[in-house]
Amino acid sequence: MRYFEKISFEQFKKDVQADINLYNDYLLPKRATKNSVGYDFYAINDIVIKPNEIVKIPTGYKANFNGDEGLLLIMRSGLGFKYNLRLTNQIGLIESDYYNNESNE
């Protein structure tokens, strides 16, 4: 079953900041409509990216999906055209660890 969940608050403190209110309030990915192809991800807080700067943006999520699936992270085309934003590796792929887990053999 596919779903997203928040990382633990302990991990959130390491990756983002030690703010319990921010942790409680940030949104999990969701589909904008029932027919949406993908999920919309939301930034945890506002980020300013300067020209030619590379910024690592934490999501605060854990993704759970079926063993024969993967998760593609793709920049919305409007953000790329309007602001020249892109992922440094162009498309992010997160594969299930189903086949790397001995308990699934």
PDB file of N, CA and C in Angstrom:
ATOM      1  N   MET A   1       0.836  -1.185   0.000  1.00  0.00           N
ATOM      2  CA  MET A   1       0.000   0.000   0.000  1.00  0.00           C
ATOM      3  C   MET A   1       0.882   1.250   0.000  1.00  0.00           C
ATOM      4  N   ARG A   2       0.555   2.199  -0.840  1.00  0.00           N
ATOM      5  CA  ARG A   2       1.322   3.438  -0.931  1.00  0.00           C
ATOM      6  C   ARG A   2       0.848   4.458   0.091  1.00  0.00           C
ATOM      7  N   TYR A   3       1.808   5.071   0.773  1.00  0.00           N
ATOM      8  CA  TYR A   3       1.473   6.181   1.650  1.00  0.00           C
ATOM      9  C   TYR A   3       2.752   6.903   2.065  1.00  0.00           C
ATOM     10  N   PHE A   4       2.574   8.117   2.549  1.00  0.00           N
ATOM     11  CA  PHE A   4       3.673   8.911   3.072  1.00  0.00           C
ATOM     12  C   PHE A   4       3.436   9.109   4.562  1.00  0.00           C
ATOM     13  N   GLU A   5       4.512   9.223   5.306  1.00  0.00           N
ATOM     14  CA  GLU A   5       4.410   9.545   6.722  1.00  0.00           C
ATOM     15  C   GLU A   5       5.563  10.466   7.096  1.00  0.00           C
ATOM     16  N   LYS A   6       5.398  11.168   8.191  1.00  0.00           N
ATOM     17  CA  LYS A   6       6.452  12.072   8.643  1.00  0.00           C
ATOM     18  C   LYS A   6       7.608  11.275   9.240  1.00  0.00           C
ATOM     19  N   ILE A   7       8.809  11.811   9.096  1.00  0.00           N
ATOM     20  CA  ILE A   7       9.953  11.237   9.799  1.00  0.00           C
ATOM     21  C   ILE A   7       9.750  11.505  11.291  1.00  0.00           C
ATOM     22  N   SER A   8      10.510  10.848  12.132  1.00  0.00           N
ATOM     23  CA  SER A   8      10.385  11.070  13.572  1.00  0.00           C
ATOM     24  C   SER A   8      10.814  12.502  13.912  1.00  0.00           C
ATOM     25  N   PHE A   9      10.336  12.986  15.033  1.00  0.00           N
ATOM     26  CA  PHE A   9      10.732  14.334  15.446  1.00  0.00           C
ATOM     27  C   PHE A   9      12.239  14.383  15.710  1.00  0.00           C
ATOM     28  N   GLU A  10      12.808  13.302  16.216  1.00  0.00           N
ATOM     29  CA  GLU A  10      14.265  13.261  16.449  1.00  0.00           C
ATOM     30  C   GLU A  10      15.026  13.459  15.145  1.00  0.00           C
ATOM     31  N   GLN A  11      14.589  12.799  14.074  1.00  0.00           N
ATOM     32  CA  GLN A  11      15.233  12.968  12.770  1.00  0.00           C
ATOM     33  C   GLN A  11      14.962  14.355  12.214  1.00  0.00           C
ATOM     34  N   PHE A  12      13.750  14.855  12.418  1.00  0.00           N
ATOM     35  CA  PHE A  12      13.385  16.193  11.964  1.00  0.00           C
ATOM     36  C   PHE A  12      14.306  17.240  12.593  1.00  0.00           C
ATOM     37  N   LYS A  13      14.599  17.086  13.881  1.00  0.00           N
ATOM     38  CA  LYS A  13      15.504  18.025  14.560  1.00  0.00           C
ATOM     39  C   LYS A  13      16.888  18.017  13.916  1.00  0.00           C
ATOM     40  N   LYS A  14      17.349  16.854  13.469  1.00  0.00           N
ATOM     41  CA  LYS A  14      18.667  16.752  12.822  1.00  0.00           C
ATOM     42  C   LYS A  14      18.655  17.330  11.412  1.00  0.00           C
ATOM     43  N   ASP A  15      17.590  17.036  10.657  1.00  0.00           N
ATOM     44  CA  ASP A  15      17.540  17.405   9.243  1.00  0.00           C
ATOM     45  C   ASP A  15      16.998  18.804   8.977  1.00  0.00           C
ATOM     46  N   VAL A  16      16.115  19.290   9.842  1.00  0.00           N
ATOM     47  CA  VAL A  16      15.429  20.560   9.579  1.00  0.00           C
ATOM     48  C   VAL A  16      15.703  21.536  10.717  1.00  0.00           C
ATOM     49  N   GLN A  17      14.955  21.412  11.807  1.00  0.00           N
ATOM     50  CA  GLN A  17      15.174  22.230  12.995  1.00  0.00           C
ATOM     51  C   GLN A  17      14.341  21.690  14.145  1.00  0.00           C
ATOM     52  N   ALA A  18      14.699  22.076  15.346  1.00  0.00           N
ATOM     53  CA  ALA A  18      14.028  21.600  16.554  1.00  0.00           C
ATOM     54  C   ALA A  18      12.826  22.479  16.883  1.00  0.00           C
ATOM     55  N   ASP A  19      11.826  22.435  16.029  1.00  0.00           N
ATOM     56  CA  ASP A  19      10.625  23.244  16.210  1.00  0.00           C
ATOM     57  C   ASP A  19       9.414  22.314  16.137  1.00  0.00           C
ATOM     58  N   ILE A  20       8.861  21.966  17.291  1.00  0.00           N
ATOM     59  CA  ILE A  20       7.746  21.021  17.340  1.00  0.00           C
ATOM     60  C   ILE A  20       6.511  21.547  16.621  1.00  0.00           C
ATOM     61  N   ASN A  21       6.295  22.856  16.650  1.00  0.00           N
ATOM     62  CA  ASN A  21       5.135  23.419  15.949  1.00  0.00           C
ATOM     63  C   ASN A  21       5.279  23.273  14.432  1.00  0.00           C
ATOM     64  N   LEU A  22       6.473  23.535  13.912  1.00  0.00           N
ATOM     65  CA  LEU A  22       6.733  23.338  12.488  1.00  0.00           C
ATOM     66  C   LEU A  22       6.542  21.871  12.128  1.00  0.00           C
ATOM     67  N   TYR A  23       7.044  20.989  12.960  1.00  0.00           N
ATOM     68  CA  TYR A  23       6.903  19.546  12.736  1.00  0.00           C
ATOM     69  C   TYR A  23       5.427  19.136  12.694  1.00  0.00           C
ATOM     70  N   ASN A  24       4.649  19.637  13.611  1.00  0.00           N
ATOM     71  CA  ASN A  24       3.226  19.273  13.665  1.00  0.00           C
ATOM     72  C   ASN A  24       2.425  19.858  12.508  1.00  0.00           C
ATOM     73  N   ASP A  25       2.882  20.982  11.952  1.00  0.00           N
ATOM     74  CA  ASP A  25       2.084  21.706  10.956  1.00  0.00           C
ATOM     75  C   ASP A  25       2.419  21.415   9.494  1.00  0.00           C
ATOM     76  N   TYR A  26       3.601  20.875   9.189  1.00  0.00           N
ATOM     77  CA  TYR A  26       3.920  20.717   7.769  1.00  0.00           C
ATOM     78  C   TYR A  26       3.081  19.608   7.147  1.00  0.00           C
ATOM     79  N   LEU A  27       2.847  19.756   5.842  1.00  0.00           N
ATOM     80  CA  LEU A  27       1.911  18.894   5.118  1.00  0.00           C
ATOM     81  C   LEU A  27       2.600  17.702   4.461  1.00  0.00           C
ATOM     82  N   LEU A  28       1.905  16.593   4.445  1.00  0.00           N
ATOM     83  CA  LEU A  28       2.360  15.419   3.711  1.00  0.00           C
ATOM     84  C   LEU A  28       1.969  15.580   2.240  1.00  0.00           C
ATOM     85  N   PRO A  29       2.674  14.885   1.334  1.00  0.00           N
ATOM     86  CA  PRO A  29       2.301  14.958  -0.077  1.00  0.00           C
ATOM     87  C   PRO A  29       0.870  14.471  -0.279  1.00  0.00           C
ATOM     88  N   LYS A  30       0.195  15.079  -1.258  1.00  0.00           N
ATOM     89  CA  LYS A  30      -1.154  14.619  -1.571  1.00  0.00           C
ATOM     90  C   LYS A  30      -1.441  14.900  -3.036  1.00  0.00           C
ATOM     91  N   ARG A  31      -2.434  14.228  -3.547  1.00  0.00           N
ATOM     92  CA  ARG A  31      -2.885  14.455  -4.914  1.00  0.00           C
ATOM     93  C   ARG A  31      -3.835  15.644  -4.890  1.00  0.00           C
ATOM     94  N   ALA A  32      -3.677  16.558  -5.829  1.00  0.00           N
ATOM     95  CA  ALA A  32      -4.527  17.751  -5.871  1.00  0.00           C
ATOM     96  C   ALA A  32      -5.968  17.382  -6.225  1.00  0.00           C
ATOM     97  N   THR A  33      -6.134  16.387  -7.082  1.00  0.00           N
ATOM     98  CA  THR A  33      -7.461  15.907  -7.453  1.00  0.00           C
ATOM     99  C   THR A  33      -7.405  14.383  -7.509  1.00  0.00           C
ATOM    100  N   LYS A  34      -8.553  13.740  -7.564  1.00  0.00           N
ATOM    101  CA  LYS A  34      -8.559  12.269  -7.594  1.00  0.00           C
ATOM    102  C   LYS A  34      -7.940  11.727  -8.878  1.00  0.00           C
ATOM    103  N   ASN A  35      -7.892  12.516  -9.944  1.00  0.00           N
ATOM    104  CA  ASN A  35      -7.300  12.070 -11.203  1.00  0.00           C
ATOM    105  C   ASN A  35      -5.878  12.575 -11.421  1.00  0.00           C
ATOM    106  N   SER A  36      -5.273  13.173 -10.409  1.00  0.00           N
ATOM    107  CA  SER A  36      -3.896  13.657 -10.543  1.00  0.00           C
ATOM    108  C   SER A  36      -2.951  12.489 -10.796  1.00  0.00           C
ATOM    109  N   VAL A  37      -1.974  12.718 -11.650  1.00  0.00           N
ATOM    110  CA  VAL A  37      -0.995  11.688 -11.963  1.00  0.00           C
ATOM    111  C   VAL A  37      -0.041  11.475 -10.793  1.00  0.00           C
ATOM    112  N   GLY A  38       0.339  12.560 -10.122  1.00  0.00           N
ATOM    113  CA  GLY A  38       1.324  12.453  -9.054  1.00  0.00           C
ATOM    114  C   GLY A  38       0.883  13.170  -7.794  1.00  0.00           C
ATOM    115  N   TYR A  39       1.790  13.182  -6.844  1.00  0.00           N
ATOM    116  CA  TYR A  39       1.570  13.825  -5.559  1.00  0.00           C
ATOM    117  C   TYR A  39       2.266  15.177  -5.540  1.00  0.00           C
ATOM    118  N   ASP A  40       1.658  16.140  -4.906  1.00  0.00           N
ATOM    119  CA  ASP A  40       2.288  17.443  -4.720  1.00  0.00           C
ATOM    120  C   ASP A  40       3.077  17.419  -3.417  1.00  0.00           C
ATOM    121  N   PHE A  41       4.336  17.810  -3.504  1.00  0.00           N
ATOM    122  CA  PHE A  41       5.194  17.934  -2.320  1.00  0.00           C
ATOM    123  C   PHE A  41       5.214  19.398  -1.917  1.00  0.00           C
ATOM    124  N   TYR A  42       5.311  19.655  -0.646  1.00  0.00           N
ATOM    125  CA  TYR A  42       5.311  21.020  -0.125  1.00  0.00           C
ATOM    126  C   TYR A  42       6.607  21.263   0.647  1.00  0.00           C
ATOM    127  N   ALA A  43       7.173  22.441   0.489  1.00  0.00           N
ATOM    128  CA  ALA A  43       8.359  22.799   1.267  1.00  0.00           C
ATOM    129  C   ALA A  43       7.956  22.981   2.723  1.00  0.00           C
ATOM    130  N   ILE A  44       8.816  22.543   3.618  1.00  0.00           N
ATOM    131  CA  ILE A  44       8.533  22.657   5.050  1.00  0.00           C
ATOM    132  C   ILE A  44       8.535  24.120   5.483  1.00  0.00           C
ATOM    133  N   ASN A  45       9.452  24.891   4.935  1.00  0.00           N
ATOM    134  CA  ASN A  45       9.500  26.320   5.241  1.00  0.00           C
ATOM    135  C   ASN A  45       9.966  27.077   3.999  1.00  0.00           C
ATOM    136  N   ASP A  46       9.883  28.382   4.047  1.00  0.00           N
ATOM    137  CA  ASP A  46      10.285  29.201   2.905  1.00  0.00           C
ATOM    138  C   ASP A  46      11.795  29.097   2.677  1.00  0.00           C
ATOM    139  N   ILE A  47      12.171  29.068   1.410  1.00  0.00           N
ATOM    140  CA  ILE A  47      13.579  28.933   1.050  1.00  0.00           C
ATOM    141  C   ILE A  47      13.897  29.970  -0.020  1.00  0.00           C
ATOM    142  N   VAL A  48      15.005  30.658   0.139  1.00  0.00           N
ATOM    143  CA  VAL A  48      15.478  31.588  -0.878  1.00  0.00           C
ATOM    144  C   VAL A  48      16.671  30.927  -1.557  1.00  0.00           C
ATOM    145  N   ILE A  49      16.581  30.800  -2.865  1.00  0.00           N
ATOM    146  CA  ILE A  49      17.664  30.204  -3.643  1.00  0.00           C
ATOM    147  C   ILE A  49      18.250  31.293  -4.533  1.00  0.00           C
ATOM    148  N   LYS A  50      19.522  31.556  -4.346  1.00  0.00           N
ATOM    149  CA  LYS A  50      20.204  32.584  -5.131  1.00  0.00           C
ATOM    150  C   LYS A  50      20.629  32.011  -6.478  1.00  0.00           C
ATOM    151  N   PRO A  51      20.826  32.864  -7.476  1.00  0.00           N
ATOM    152  CA  PRO A  51      21.270  32.372  -8.786  1.00  0.00           C
ATOM    153  C   PRO A  51      22.522  31.506  -8.665  1.00  0.00           C
ATOM    154  N   ASN A  52      22.525  30.388  -9.382  1.00  0.00           N
ATOM    155  CA  ASN A  52      23.634  29.419  -9.418  1.00  0.00           C
ATOM    156  C   ASN A  52      23.899  28.722  -8.089  1.00  0.00           C
ATOM    157  N   GLU A  53      23.001  28.847  -7.150  1.00  0.00           N
ATOM    158  CA  GLU A  53      23.164  28.188  -5.851  1.00  0.00           C
ATOM    159  C   GLU A  53      22.477  26.826  -5.879  1.00  0.00           C
ATOM    160  N   ILE A  54      23.104  25.855  -5.231  1.00  0.00           N
ATOM    161  CA  ILE A  54      22.511  24.529  -5.066  1.00  0.00           C
ATOM    162  C   ILE A  54      22.068  24.406  -3.616  1.00  0.00           C
ATOM    163  N   VAL A  55      20.807  24.052  -3.419  1.00  0.00           N
ATOM    164  CA  VAL A  55      20.238  23.971  -2.078  1.00  0.00           C
ATOM    165  C   VAL A  55      19.622  22.592  -1.872  1.00  0.00           C
ATOM    166  N   LYS A  56      19.944  21.959  -0.776  1.00  0.00           N
ATOM    167  CA  LYS A  56      19.322  20.699  -0.396  1.00  0.00           C
ATOM    168  C   LYS A  56      18.056  21.026   0.396  1.00  0.00           C
ATOM    169  N   ILE A  57      16.919  20.543  -0.075  1.00  0.00           N
ATOM    170  CA  ILE A  57      15.637  20.852   0.554  1.00  0.00           C
ATOM    171  C   ILE A  57      15.087  19.592   1.203  1.00  0.00           C
ATOM    172  N   PRO A  58      15.047  19.536   2.518  1.00  0.00           N
ATOM    173  CA  PRO A  58      14.514  18.339   3.186  1.00  0.00           C
ATOM    174  C   PRO A  58      13.001  18.243   3.008  1.00  0.00           C
ATOM    175  N   THR A  59      12.504  17.021   2.865  1.00  0.00           N
ATOM    176  CA  THR A  59      11.063  16.827   2.710  1.00  0.00           C
ATOM    177  C   THR A  59      10.382  16.534   4.040  1.00  0.00           C
ATOM    178  N   GLY A  60      11.079  15.842   4.932  1.00  0.00           N
ATOM    179  CA  GLY A  60      10.464  15.437   6.196  1.00  0.00           C
ATOM    180  C   GLY A  60       9.556  14.231   6.056  1.00  0.00           C
ATOM    181  N   TYR A  61       9.620  13.532   4.910  1.00  0.00           N
ATOM    182  CA  TYR A  61       8.735  12.406   4.638  1.00  0.00           C
ATOM    183  C   TYR A  61       9.492  11.085   4.588  1.00  0.00           C
ATOM    184  N   LYS A  62       8.736  10.038   4.834  1.00  0.00           N
ATOM    185  CA  LYS A  62       9.134   8.681   4.488  1.00  0.00           C
ATOM    186  C   LYS A  62       8.092   8.195   3.493  1.00  0.00           C
ATOM    187  N   ALA A  63       8.540   7.549   2.440  1.00  0.00           N
ATOM    188  CA  ALA A  63       7.625   7.030   1.421  1.00  0.00           C
ATOM    189  C   ALA A  63       7.533   5.520   1.567  1.00  0.00           C
ATOM    190  N   ASN A  64       6.333   5.011   1.552  1.00  0.00           N
ATOM    191  CA  ASN A  64       6.089   3.577   1.617  1.00  0.00           C
ATOM    192  C   ASN A  64       5.304   3.177   0.372  1.00  0.00           C
ATOM    193  N   PHE A  65       5.803   2.179  -0.332  1.00  0.00           N
ATOM    194  CA  PHE A  65       5.121   1.736  -1.533  1.00  0.00           C
ATOM    195  C   PHE A  65       5.395   0.268  -1.764  1.00  0.00           C
ATOM    196  N   ASN A  66       4.702  -0.308  -2.711  1.00  0.00           N
ATOM    197  CA  ASN A  66       4.807  -1.735  -2.996  1.00  0.00           C
ATOM    198  C   ASN A  66       6.208  -2.094  -3.459  1.00  0.00           C
ATOM    199  N   GLY A  67       6.599  -3.348  -3.237  1.00  0.00           N
ATOM    200  CA  GLY A  67       7.950  -3.806  -3.539  1.00  0.00           C
ATOM    201  C   GLY A  67       8.360  -3.716  -4.980  1.00  0.00           C
ATOM    202  N   ASP A  68       7.410  -3.724  -5.898  1.00  0.00           N
ATOM    203  CA  ASP A  68       7.754  -3.662  -7.315  1.00  0.00           C
ATOM    204  C   ASP A  68       7.576  -2.259  -7.883  1.00  0.00           C
ATOM    205  N   GLU A  69       7.564  -1.249  -7.008  1.00  0.00           N
ATOM    206  CA  GLU A  69       7.361   0.125  -7.434  1.00  0.00           C
ATOM    207  C   GLU A  69       8.541   1.003  -7.042  1.00  0.00           C
ATOM    208  N   GLY A  70       8.577   2.171  -7.608  1.00  0.00           N
ATOM    209  CA  GLY A  70       9.557   3.175  -7.247  1.00  0.00           C
ATOM    210  C   GLY A  70       8.872   4.532  -7.195  1.00  0.00           C
ATOM    211  N   LEU A  71       9.580   5.503  -6.708  1.00  0.00           N
ATOM    212  CA  LEU A  71       9.057   6.856  -6.596  1.00  0.00           C
ATOM    213  C   LEU A  71       9.945   7.775  -7.428  1.00  0.00           C
ATOM    214  N   LEU A  72       9.346   8.491  -8.380  1.00  0.00           N
ATOM    215  CA  LEU A  72      10.074   9.451  -9.202  1.00  0.00           C
ATOM    216  C   LEU A  72       9.836  10.857  -8.674  1.00  0.00           C
ATOM    217  N   LEU A  73      10.889  11.611  -8.498  1.00  0.00           N
ATOM    218  CA  LEU A  73      10.802  13.014  -8.105  1.00  0.00           C
ATOM    219  C   LEU A  73      11.116  13.845  -9.330  1.00  0.00           C
ATOM    220  N   ILE A  74      10.138  14.614  -9.776  1.00  0.00           N
ATOM    221  CA  ILE A  74      10.274  15.384 -11.003  1.00  0.00           C
ATOM    222  C   ILE A  74       9.834  16.818 -10.728  1.00  0.00           C
ATOM    223  N   MET A  75      10.623  17.773 -11.182  1.00  0.00           N
ATOM    224  CA  MET A  75      10.285  19.186 -11.016  1.00  0.00           C
ATOM    225  C   MET A  75       9.095  19.530 -11.902  1.00  0.00           C
ATOM    226  N   ARG A  76       8.154  20.262 -11.369  1.00  0.00           N
ATOM    227  CA  ARG A  76       7.032  20.732 -12.198  1.00  0.00           C
ATOM    228  C   ARG A  76       7.574  21.584 -13.331  1.00  0.00           C
ATOM    229  N   SER A  77       7.058  21.387 -14.517  1.00  0.00           N
ATOM    230  CA  SER A  77       7.590  22.104 -15.677  1.00  0.00           C
ATOM    231  C   SER A  77       7.467  23.614 -15.515  1.00  0.00           C
ATOM    232  N   GLY A  78       6.399  24.095 -14.896  1.00  0.00           N
ATOM    233  CA  GLY A  78       6.226  25.531 -14.711  1.00  0.00           C
ATOM    234  C   GLY A  78       7.331  26.148 -13.872  1.00  0.00           C
ATOM    235  N   LEU A  79       7.787  25.444 -12.852  1.00  0.00           N
ATOM    236  CA  LEU A  79       8.878  25.962 -12.013  1.00  0.00           C
ATOM    237  C   LEU A  79      10.188  25.997 -12.787  1.00  0.00           C
ATOM    238  N   GLY A  80      10.396  25.004 -13.633  1.00  0.00           N
ATOM    239  CA  GLY A  80      11.606  24.987 -14.449  1.00  0.00           C
ATOM    240  C   GLY A  80      11.631  26.118 -15.453  1.00  0.00           C
ATOM    241  N   PHE A  81      10.515  26.322 -16.152  1.00  0.00           N
ATOM    242  CA  PHE A  81      10.459  27.383 -17.161  1.00  0.00           C
ATOM    243  C   PHE A  81      10.452  28.773 -16.543  1.00  0.00           C
ATOM    244  N   LYS A  82       9.657  28.952 -15.509  1.00  0.00           N
ATOM    245  CA  LYS A  82       9.489  30.288 -14.933  1.00  0.00           C
ATOM    246  C   LYS A  82      10.701  30.730 -14.112  1.00  0.00           C
ATOM    247  N   TYR A  83      11.285  29.796 -13.334  1.00  0.00           N
ATOM    248  CA  TYR A  83      12.370  30.162 -12.416  1.00  0.00           C
ATOM    249  C   TYR A  83      13.692  29.462 -12.703  1.00  0.00           C
ATOM    250  N   ASN A  84      13.729  28.621 -13.723  1.00  0.00           N
ATOM    251  CA  ASN A  84      14.921  27.842 -14.057  1.00  0.00           C
ATOM    252  C   ASN A  84      15.355  26.930 -12.899  1.00  0.00           C
ATOM    253  N   LEU A  85      14.390  26.428 -12.158  1.00  0.00           N
ATOM    254  CA  LEU A  85      14.677  25.477 -11.086  1.00  0.00           C
ATOM    255  C   LEU A  85      14.748  24.075 -11.661  1.00  0.00           C
ATOM    256  N   ARG A  86      15.647  23.271 -11.101  1.00  0.00           N
ATOM    257  CA  ARG A  86      15.772  21.881 -11.538  1.00  0.00           C
ATOM    258  C   ARG A  86      16.430  21.057 -10.450  1.00  0.00           C
ATOM    259  N   LEU A  87      16.203  19.772 -10.512  1.00  0.00           N
ATOM    260  CA  LEU A  87      16.915  18.859  -9.627  1.00  0.00           C
ATOM    261  C   LEU A  87      18.315  18.680 -10.187  1.00  0.00           C
ATOM    262  N   THR A  88      19.309  18.591  -9.344  1.00  0.00           N
ATOM    263  CA  THR A  88      20.679  18.483  -9.850  1.00  0.00           C
ATOM    264  C   THR A  88      20.894  17.196 -10.642  1.00  0.00           C
ATOM    265  N   ASN A  89      20.155  16.146 -10.319  1.00  0.00           N
ATOM    266  CA  ASN A  89      20.275  14.917 -11.099  1.00  0.00           C
ATOM    267  C   ASN A  89      19.123  14.768 -12.108  1.00  0.00           C
ATOM    268  N   GLN A  90      18.376  15.849 -12.337  1.00  0.00           N
ATOM    269  CA  GLN A  90      17.266  15.970 -13.274  1.00  0.00           C
ATOM    270  C   GLN A  90      16.018  15.207 -12.844  1.00  0.00           C
ATOM    271  N   ILE A  91      16.130  13.918 -12.527  1.00  0.00           N
ATOM    272  CA  ILE A  91      14.999  13.133 -12.033  1.00  0.00           C
ATOM    273  C   ILE A  91      15.505  12.292 -10.871  1.00  0.00           C
ATOM    274  N   GLY A  92      14.807  12.373  -9.746  1.00  0.00           N
ATOM    275  CA  GLY A  92      15.176  11.556  -8.604  1.00  0.00           C
ATOM    276  C   GLY A  92      14.398  10.254  -8.629  1.00  0.00           C
ATOM    277  N   LEU A  93      15.073   9.150  -8.369  1.00  0.00           N
ATOM    278  CA  LEU A  93      14.427   7.843  -8.319  1.00  0.00           C
ATOM    279  C   LEU A  93      14.689   7.218  -6.956  1.00  0.00           C
ATOM    280  N   ILE A  94      13.631   6.885  -6.264  1.00  0.00           N
ATOM    281  CA  ILE A  94      13.737   6.172  -4.997  1.00  0.00           C
ATOM    282  C   ILE A  94      13.137   4.796  -5.230  1.00  0.00           C
ATOM    283  N   GLU A  95      13.978   3.780  -5.125  1.00  0.00           N
ATOM    284  CA  GLU A  95      13.513   2.419  -5.348  1.00  0.00           C
ATOM    285  C   GLU A  95      13.121   1.780  -4.029  1.00  0.00           C
ATOM    286  N   SER A  96      12.193   0.856  -4.101  1.00  0.00           N
ATOM    287  CA  SER A  96      11.810   0.087  -2.926  1.00  0.00           C
ATOM    288  C   SER A  96      13.000  -0.754  -2.493  1.00  0.00           C
ATOM    289  N   ASP A  97      13.166  -0.960  -1.195  1.00  0.00           N
ATOM    290  CA  ASP A  97      14.232  -1.846  -0.727  1.00  0.00           C
ATOM    291  C   ASP A  97      13.714  -3.273  -0.575  1.00  0.00           C
ATOM    292  N   TYR A  98      12.565  -3.565  -1.187  1.00  0.00           N
ATOM    293  CA  TYR A  98      11.932  -4.875  -1.107  1.00  0.00           C
ATOM    294  C   TYR A  98      12.898  -5.989  -1.493  1.00  0.00           C
ATOM    295  N   TYR A  99      13.619  -5.806  -2.588  1.00  0.00           N
ATOM    296  CA  TYR A  99      14.506  -6.869  -3.075  1.00  0.00           C
ATOM    297  C   TYR A  99      15.820  -6.929  -2.316  1.00  0.00           C
ATOM    298  N   ASN A 100      16.122  -5.913  -1.525  1.00  0.00           N
ATOM    299  CA  ASN A 100      17.325  -5.925  -0.707  1.00  0.00           C
ATOM    300  C   ASN A 100      17.064  -6.454   0.695  1.00  0.00           C
ATOM    301  N   ASN A 101      15.839  -6.752   1.003  1.00  0.00           N
ATOM    302  CA  ASN A 101      15.446  -7.219   2.326  1.00  0.00           C
ATOM    303  C   ASN A 101      15.319  -8.725   2.309  1.00  0.00           C
ATOM    304  N   GLU A 102      16.191  -9.427   3.047  1.00  0.00           N
ATOM    305  CA  GLU A 102      16.224 -10.894   3.033  1.00  0.00           C
ATOM    306  C   GLU A 102      14.913 -11.522   3.469  1.00  0.00           C
ATOM    307  N   SER A 103      14.120 -10.829   4.283  1.00  0.00           N
ATOM    308  CA  SER A 103      12.861 -11.406   4.768  1.00  0.00           C
ATOM    309  C   SER A 103      11.837 -11.549   3.652  1.00  0.00           C
ATOM    310  N   ASN A 104      12.069 -10.925   2.495  1.00  0.00           N
ATOM    311  CA  ASN A 104      11.127 -10.986   1.385  1.00  0.00           C
ATOM    312  C   ASN A 104      11.480 -12.060   0.364  1.00  0.00           C
ATOM    313  N   GLU A 105      12.522 -12.853   0.614  1.00  0.00           N
ATOM    314  CA  GLU A 105      12.919 -13.862  -0.369  1.00  0.00           C
ATOM    315  C   GLU A 105      12.013 -15.073  -0.298  1.00  0.00           C
TER     316      GLU A 105
END
